Each structure stands twice: as C-alpha cells, then as structure tokens.
Amino acid sequence: MHKPFQFLRSSMSQTITVEGMSCAHCEETVEGALESLADVTAASADHETDAVDVEGSARTDELLRAVADAGYEASA
C-alpha cells in the first residue's frame, strides 16, 4: 500500500545583512520580527557583524520585509 504524496517545504539556512543594530535589544527585536513569520523556525542576530542567520523556508523578500517593518535596513 502506497502512502499519499505529501508536499514538504524544504528547510534551509540563509544569512541576511541588517544595518542599524547596535545592541542586544536590537538583536532581540530583529530575531522576534523574523521568528514571527510562519516559515521561520529560528533566527540568530549579531549586531557586531550586522549578520542574521535564519532557519526555515521563508522567502528572502519576506525576511527583508519583516526586518524593514521592525525599523531596520536589510539586504541579502
């Protein structure tokens, strides 16, 4: 007996650059904005390198929009 086909979205890791983070609170704000997206499983920001590592299957444009909505400039 065959199992029905299930569509699975692949999880991936991507790093985006976020300008304007200057402290741990900024990191938490950016991480929270990204983790509020349904297709993000984790986000880890580092204000010293301006980098945010994001796990999940969200599209890059969704990530950039969430960061912009939180008040920061982001690029991929």
Protein backbone atom coordinates (compact mmCIF):
# COMPACT_ATOMS: atom_id res chain seq x y z
CA MET A 1 0.00 0.00 0.00
CA HIS A 2 1.38 3.39 -1.01
CA LYS A 3 1.36 6.42 1.22
CA PRO A 4 -0.31 9.52 -0.23
CA PHE A 5 2.03 12.13 -1.62
CA GLN A 6 2.74 14.94 0.81
CA PHE A 7 4.21 18.26 -0.23
CA LEU A 8 7.07 19.17 2.09
CA ARG A 9 8.70 22.58 2.06
CA SER A 10 12.41 22.23 2.48
CA SER A 11 14.05 23.97 5.36
CA MET A 12 17.13 25.99 4.61
CA SER A 13 19.51 28.40 6.20
CA GLN A 14 20.23 31.83 4.88
CA THR A 15 22.14 34.84 6.14
CA ILE A 16 20.93 38.39 5.66
CA THR A 17 22.68 41.65 6.48
CA VAL A 18 20.88 44.04 8.80
CA GLU A 19 22.14 47.58 9.31
CA GLY A 20 21.35 49.66 12.37
CA MET A 21 21.60 47.03 15.12
CA SER A 22 23.75 48.42 17.93
CA CYS A 23 22.94 46.29 20.98
CA ALA A 24 21.41 43.06 22.29
CA HIS A 25 17.95 44.66 22.36
CA CYS A 26 18.25 45.39 18.63
CA GLU A 27 19.22 41.75 18.04
CA GLU A 28 16.16 40.59 20.00
CA THR A 29 13.88 42.92 18.03
CA VAL A 30 15.15 41.62 14.68
CA GLU A 31 15.05 37.98 15.81
CA GLY A 32 11.49 38.42 17.09
CA ALA A 33 10.35 40.03 13.84
CA LEU A 34 11.78 37.16 11.81
CA GLU A 35 10.61 34.40 14.14
CA SER A 36 7.06 35.78 13.94
CA LEU A 37 6.96 34.59 10.32
CA ALA A 38 5.27 31.22 9.93
CA ASP A 39 8.05 29.80 7.77
CA VAL A 40 10.94 30.79 10.07
CA THR A 41 11.99 28.25 12.67
CA ALA A 42 14.87 30.24 14.21
CA ALA A 43 16.81 33.47 13.81
CA SER A 44 20.12 34.49 15.36
CA ALA A 45 21.32 38.08 15.05
CA ASP A 46 24.78 39.52 15.73
CA HIS A 47 24.96 43.32 15.92
CA GLU A 48 28.77 43.29 15.76
CA THR A 49 28.80 41.71 12.29
CA ASP A 50 25.40 43.01 11.09
CA ALA A 51 24.53 39.39 10.22
CA VAL A 52 21.37 37.40 10.92
CA ASP A 53 21.28 33.65 10.35
CA VAL A 54 17.76 32.48 9.57
CA GLU A 55 16.49 28.88 9.55
CA GLY A 56 13.31 27.92 7.74
CA SER A 57 11.66 28.05 4.38
CA ALA A 58 10.59 31.71 4.24
CA ARG A 59 11.37 33.58 1.04
CA THR A 60 14.12 36.19 1.19
CA ASP A 61 11.72 39.02 0.31
CA GLU A 62 9.54 38.04 3.31
CA LEU A 63 12.58 38.20 5.60
CA LEU A 64 13.64 41.60 4.29
CA ARG A 65 10.12 42.99 4.67
CA ALA A 66 9.84 41.74 8.28
CA VAL A 67 13.16 43.40 9.19
CA ALA A 68 12.11 46.64 7.47
CA ASP A 69 8.79 46.58 9.36
CA ALA A 70 10.83 46.33 12.58
CA GLY A 71 12.68 49.52 11.63
CA TYR A 72 15.96 48.22 10.24
CA GLU A 73 17.55 48.10 6.78
CA ALA A 74 18.25 44.60 5.44
CA SER A 75 19.80 43.10 2.35
CA ALA A 76 20.55 39.60 1.15
